[in-house]
Amino acid sequence: MCYYNGQKVTRSEFIRLKNLEKEVRRYNFLNVGVHNGFMFEPAAIAIANSDKTDFELVQAQWGFMPYGIDSHEKAQEFLRRYTTMNFKSENMLLNEKKERSMWASSVEKGKTCLVLSTGMIENRHINKIGKKGQQLTTTDAFPYMVTMKDREYWWMAGLYNQVLDKETGELVYTFAFATTKANALMRQIHNKDNKWRMPAILNDDQAYEWLLGGPSVERMQELARIQVSSKDMEYCTITKEYLSDRVANPTQYDALPPIDMAYMDTAEELLYPAA
């Protein structure tokens, strides 16, 4: 889920994070409305220095690579088999088969990063209506841009790894971000096959702790499971050409069922109590 992400941040806006004029000037890929995760394009992540006293922005590839990937050929083979743009917070140490996960080494070594976002794009799937007015099992997809209220940009909890490209001799940063259970809004938007997931979005204090606080493995798991409130989010439908245009232009679709806004007046845990 969430394989398309915006990092549309101008240099002047990004400088507010820190005095990073030099670093930002190098990154001509930042002012992009839509990053397509399946194209493994360069993206910006924040990583801590060795003693966790400061952070820097680095160019990284969206799509986590484990150790042992040391050539373009191996990378392409790996990417054909796995989708590693995000990971389930519940599987940071053990995968679905209860085996050691590919993320475990980065977790244990504290290779946390913050993934910049200015807007997440998800498709909402609505059942088609047949000629006799009956609801069909096939669906139409309608893209939504989801943003945070009063925040032009925000951070998602991520893990990174460096792999050696033996063909160039360069160490390449690769990353993925954590996903957690969807809140009431994202359950309605990211609704295909009832997967109900969303990125782990951190507030400033949580982002600092994730990146520079040296959290224990247990605390990392707690932070990666944080579910931001639906009330703190905004959304709009956008044109279906966002991938080709690379711009998330707002639009409206006729007869699209409205989002249920009950979460504005009801606690989310009451709307969807734990099983």
Protein backbone atom coordinates (compact mmCIF):
# COMPACT_ATOMS: atom_id res chain seq x y z
CA MET A 1 0.00 0.00 0.00
CA CYS A 2 0.92 3.65 -0.39
CA TYR A 3 3.29 3.13 -3.31
CA TYR A 4 2.99 6.71 -4.56
CA ASN A 5 4.23 9.53 -2.40
CA GLY A 6 4.78 13.26 -2.80
CA GLN A 7 7.94 15.13 -1.84
CA LYS A 8 7.00 18.50 -3.31
CA VAL A 9 9.14 20.71 -1.11
CA THR A 10 10.86 23.87 -2.36
CA ARG A 11 14.33 24.71 -1.11
CA SER A 12 13.09 27.62 0.97
CA GLU A 13 10.49 25.41 2.68
CA PHE A 14 12.92 22.59 3.33
CA ILE A 15 15.54 24.91 4.84
CA ARG A 16 13.19 25.45 7.78
CA LEU A 17 14.09 21.95 9.00
CA LYS A 18 17.72 22.92 9.43
CA ASN A 19 20.39 24.97 7.69
CA LEU A 20 20.66 22.57 4.78
CA GLU A 21 21.13 24.96 1.86
CA LYS A 22 24.05 23.02 0.48
CA GLU A 23 22.37 19.61 0.75
CA VAL A 24 19.05 20.77 -0.68
CA ARG A 25 20.79 22.44 -3.60
CA ARG A 26 22.16 19.05 -4.60
CA TYR A 27 18.75 17.38 -4.66
CA ASN A 28 16.97 18.36 -7.85
CA PHE A 29 14.43 15.57 -7.31
CA LEU A 30 12.74 17.12 -4.28
CA ASN A 31 10.22 19.40 -5.96
CA VAL A 32 8.17 16.48 -7.31
CA GLY A 33 4.46 16.16 -6.69
CA VAL A 34 4.34 12.37 -7.07
CA HIS A 35 7.10 9.84 -6.53
CA ASN A 36 6.32 6.45 -8.06
CA GLY A 37 7.71 3.81 -5.75
CA PHE A 38 7.71 1.18 -8.49
CA MET A 39 10.24 3.23 -10.49
CA PHE A 40 12.76 3.17 -7.60
CA GLU A 41 13.56 6.82 -8.04
CA PRO A 42 15.82 8.84 -5.70
CA ALA A 43 14.14 10.23 -2.61
CA ALA A 44 15.19 12.14 0.49
CA ILE A 45 15.48 10.60 3.94
CA ALA A 46 16.88 11.94 7.18
CA ILE A 47 19.45 9.78 8.97
CA ALA A 48 21.33 10.35 12.22
CA ASN A 49 25.08 10.80 12.50
CA SER A 50 27.13 8.16 14.29
CA ASP A 51 26.63 9.54 17.81
CA LYS A 52 22.95 10.44 17.32
CA THR A 53 23.54 14.15 17.99
CA ASP A 54 22.53 15.48 14.60
CA PHE A 55 20.96 14.40 11.33
CA GLU A 56 21.51 14.92 7.65
CA LEU A 57 19.54 14.44 4.48
CA VAL A 58 20.76 11.78 2.10
CA GLN A 59 19.67 10.60 -1.28
CA ALA A 60 18.26 7.11 -1.06
CA GLN A 61 16.49 4.55 -3.19
CA TRP A 62 12.88 3.85 -2.20
CA GLY A 63 12.90 0.07 -1.96
CA PHE A 64 14.80 -1.60 0.89
CA MET A 65 17.68 -3.88 -0.06
CA PRO A 66 19.07 -6.45 2.39
CA TYR A 67 22.75 -7.28 2.70
CA GLY A 68 24.19 -9.38 -0.11
CA ILE A 69 22.74 -7.27 -2.92
CA ASP A 70 25.93 -5.93 -4.46
CA SER A 71 25.16 -5.47 -8.13
CA HIS A 72 22.52 -3.99 -10.40
CA GLU A 73 21.69 -7.47 -11.68
CA LYS A 74 21.06 -8.82 -8.17
CA ALA A 75 19.03 -5.74 -7.29
CA GLN A 76 16.75 -6.18 -10.29
CA GLU A 77 16.30 -9.88 -9.52
CA PHE A 78 15.43 -9.04 -5.92
CA LEU A 79 12.92 -6.36 -6.91
CA ARG A 80 11.18 -8.73 -9.29
CA ARG A 81 10.53 -11.08 -6.38
CA TYR A 82 9.79 -8.71 -3.51
CA THR A 83 8.05 -5.40 -2.85
CA THR A 84 10.04 -3.67 -0.11
CA MET A 85 8.85 -0.07 -0.23
CA ASN A 86 7.20 -0.49 3.15
CA PHE A 87 6.99 -3.05 5.93
CA LYS A 88 4.43 -4.07 8.50
CA SER A 89 5.37 -2.75 11.93
CA GLU A 90 4.26 -6.10 13.35
CA ASN A 91 6.90 -7.85 11.23
CA MET A 92 9.96 -5.77 12.08
CA LEU A 93 11.70 -8.73 13.70
CA LEU A 94 9.77 -11.77 12.48
CA ASN A 95 8.02 -12.23 9.16
CA GLU A 96 4.61 -13.82 8.59
CA LYS A 97 6.22 -17.27 8.81
CA LYS A 98 7.72 -16.39 12.23
CA GLU A 99 11.19 -16.41 10.70
CA ARG A 100 13.77 -13.66 11.12
CA SER A 101 12.72 -10.79 8.86
CA MET A 102 14.87 -8.89 6.38
CA TRP A 103 14.29 -5.77 8.52
CA ALA A 104 15.61 -7.27 11.75
CA SER A 105 19.26 -6.33 11.22
CA SER A 106 18.43 -2.66 10.63
CA VAL A 107 16.15 -2.68 13.69
CA GLU A 108 18.85 -4.18 15.91
CA LYS A 109 21.53 -1.82 14.58
CA GLY A 110 19.30 1.22 15.05
CA LYS A 111 19.27 2.13 11.37
CA THR A 112 16.21 4.31 11.67
CA CYS A 113 15.38 7.07 9.22
CA LEU A 114 12.65 9.61 8.66
CA VAL A 115 10.90 9.58 5.30
CA LEU A 116 9.67 12.95 4.10
CA SER A 117 6.11 13.29 2.82
CA THR A 118 3.95 16.16 1.61
CA GLY A 119 1.03 13.97 0.58
CA MET A 120 0.13 10.29 0.25
CA ILE A 121 -1.85 8.90 -2.67
CA GLU A 122 -4.15 5.92 -2.26
CA ASN A 123 -6.84 4.44 -4.50
CA ARG A 124 -10.33 4.00 -3.08
CA HIS A 125 -12.12 1.07 -4.69
CA ILE A 126 -15.87 1.37 -5.30
CA ASN A 127 -18.00 -1.50 -6.60
CA LYS A 128 -19.33 -1.00 -10.10
CA ILE A 129 -23.08 -1.01 -10.75
CA GLY A 130 -24.53 -3.35 -13.37
CA LYS A 131 -27.12 -2.56 -16.03
CA LYS A 132 -29.93 -3.70 -13.72
CA GLY A 133 -28.70 -1.55 -10.88
CA GLN A 134 -27.07 -4.43 -9.03
CA GLN A 135 -23.73 -4.07 -7.27
CA LEU A 136 -20.94 -5.94 -9.06
CA THR A 137 -17.85 -7.53 -7.56
CA THR A 138 -15.57 -5.57 -9.90
CA THR A 139 -14.51 -2.10 -8.78
CA ASP A 140 -13.43 1.29 -10.06
CA ALA A 141 -10.41 2.95 -8.46
CA PHE A 142 -10.51 6.62 -7.47
CA PRO A 143 -7.24 8.22 -6.34
CA TYR A 144 -7.14 10.35 -3.20
CA MET A 145 -4.45 12.68 -1.93
CA VAL A 146 -4.21 12.54 1.86
CA THR A 147 -2.39 15.28 3.77
CA MET A 148 -1.96 16.41 7.36
CA LYS A 149 -3.82 19.41 8.73
CA ASP A 150 -1.62 22.44 9.40
CA ARG A 151 1.53 20.59 8.31
CA GLU A 152 3.08 21.21 4.91
CA TYR A 153 5.34 18.22 5.33
CA TRP A 154 5.74 15.44 7.88
CA TRP A 155 7.81 12.40 8.68
CA MET A 156 7.11 8.69 8.41
CA ALA A 157 9.04 6.15 10.48
CA GLY A 158 11.48 4.28 8.26
CA LEU A 159 14.36 1.83 8.24
CA TYR A 160 17.36 2.04 5.96
CA ASN A 161 20.25 -0.09 4.82
CA GLN A 162 23.34 0.54 2.73
CA VAL A 163 24.32 -1.89 0.01
CA LEU A 164 27.52 -1.89 -1.99
CA ASP A 165 27.27 -1.51 -5.74
CA LYS A 166 30.45 -3.35 -6.70
CA GLU A 167 30.14 -2.08 -10.26
CA THR A 168 30.54 1.55 -9.16
CA GLY A 169 32.11 1.04 -5.74
CA GLU A 170 29.40 3.20 -4.18
CA LEU A 171 27.42 2.58 -1.03
CA VAL A 172 23.75 3.09 -1.89
CA TYR A 173 21.16 4.01 0.74
CA THR A 174 17.90 2.08 0.44
CA PHE A 175 14.85 2.47 2.66
CA ALA A 176 11.27 1.52 3.47
CA PHE A 177 8.70 3.02 5.83
CA ALA A 178 6.60 1.35 8.49
CA THR A 179 2.88 0.71 8.12
CA THR A 180 0.39 0.34 10.92
CA LYS A 181 -3.32 -0.40 11.21
CA ALA A 182 -5.44 2.13 9.32
CA ASN A 183 -7.46 4.75 11.13
CA ALA A 184 -11.15 5.37 10.39
CA LEU A 185 -10.43 7.61 7.39
CA MET A 186 -7.76 5.42 5.81
CA ARG A 187 -9.93 2.31 6.26
CA GLN A 188 -12.36 3.92 3.83
CA ILE A 189 -9.76 5.12 1.33
CA HIS A 190 -7.26 2.27 1.39
CA ASN A 191 -10.07 -0.28 1.26
CA LYS A 192 -9.03 -2.81 -1.40
CA ASP A 193 -9.31 -6.36 -0.07
CA ASN A 194 -9.84 -4.90 3.42
CA LYS A 195 -6.10 -4.53 3.94
CA TRP A 196 -6.65 -1.41 6.06
CA ARG A 197 -3.08 -0.18 6.45
CA MET A 198 -1.46 3.25 6.60
CA PRO A 199 2.03 4.69 7.13
CA ALA A 200 3.28 5.30 10.67
CA ILE A 201 3.25 9.12 10.76
CA LEU A 202 5.19 10.67 13.65
CA ASN A 203 4.78 14.00 15.39
CA ASP A 204 7.89 16.07 16.05
CA ASP A 205 8.65 14.53 19.44
CA GLN A 206 8.15 11.00 18.16
CA ALA A 207 10.25 11.72 15.07
CA TYR A 208 13.10 12.98 17.24
CA GLU A 209 12.90 9.89 19.44
CA TRP A 210 12.78 7.55 16.43
CA LEU A 211 15.80 9.15 14.78
CA LEU A 212 17.98 10.50 17.58
CA GLY A 213 16.63 9.07 20.83
CA GLY A 214 18.23 5.63 20.55
CA PRO A 215 14.97 3.80 21.33
CA SER A 216 15.05 0.18 22.42
CA VAL A 217 13.78 -2.45 20.02
CA GLU A 218 10.57 -2.63 22.04
CA ARG A 219 10.11 1.13 21.85
CA MET A 220 10.83 1.10 18.11
CA GLN A 221 8.01 -1.39 17.67
CA GLU A 222 5.68 0.89 19.64
CA LEU A 223 6.60 3.95 17.58
CA ALA A 224 6.21 2.06 14.30
CA ARG A 225 2.66 1.12 15.30
CA ILE A 226 1.52 4.67 15.99
CA GLN A 227 -1.77 5.46 14.29
CA VAL A 228 -2.31 9.15 13.62
CA SER A 229 -5.86 10.36 14.21
CA SER A 230 -8.25 10.72 11.28
CA LYS A 231 -9.16 14.14 12.64
CA ASP A 232 -5.63 15.34 11.91
CA MET A 233 -5.89 14.42 8.22
CA GLU A 234 -7.34 16.09 5.14
CA TYR A 235 -8.12 14.53 1.78
CA CYS A 236 -9.33 15.22 -1.74
CA THR A 237 -9.83 13.24 -4.93
CA ILE A 238 -7.28 13.82 -7.68
CA THR A 239 -7.08 13.12 -11.40
CA LYS A 240 -6.30 9.59 -12.51
CA GLU A 241 -3.43 10.89 -14.65
CA TYR A 242 -1.27 11.61 -11.61
CA LEU A 243 1.30 8.99 -12.58
CA SER A 244 1.87 10.25 -16.10
CA ASP A 245 1.56 13.94 -15.19
CA ARG A 246 3.50 13.54 -11.92
CA VAL A 247 1.12 16.10 -10.44
CA ALA A 248 -1.73 15.45 -8.00
CA ASN A 249 -4.35 17.78 -9.44
CA PRO A 250 -7.59 17.90 -7.38
CA THR A 251 -10.77 16.85 -9.18
CA GLN A 252 -14.29 15.62 -8.42
CA TYR A 253 -15.97 12.42 -9.56
CA ASP A 254 -19.71 12.19 -10.21
CA ALA A 255 -21.77 10.06 -7.83
CA LEU A 256 -18.79 8.97 -5.75
CA PRO A 257 -20.08 7.84 -2.34
CA PRO A 258 -19.05 10.31 0.37
CA ILE A 259 -16.57 9.48 3.09
CA ASP A 260 -18.28 8.66 6.39
CA MET A 261 -17.21 11.49 8.71
CA ALA A 262 -18.41 9.83 11.93
CA TYR A 263 -14.82 9.86 13.19
CA MET A 264 -15.09 13.63 13.70
CA ASP A 265 -17.47 13.06 16.62
CA THR A 266 -16.61 9.54 17.78
CA ALA A 267 -13.42 8.05 19.21
CA GLU A 268 -11.80 5.82 16.61
CA GLU A 269 -11.44 2.93 19.02
CA LEU A 270 -15.23 2.97 19.42
CA LEU A 271 -15.80 2.98 15.67
CA TYR A 272 -13.50 -0.02 15.19
CA PRO A 273 -13.03 -1.81 18.52
CA ALA A 274 -10.22 -4.31 18.82
CA ALA A 275 -11.17 -7.87 17.93
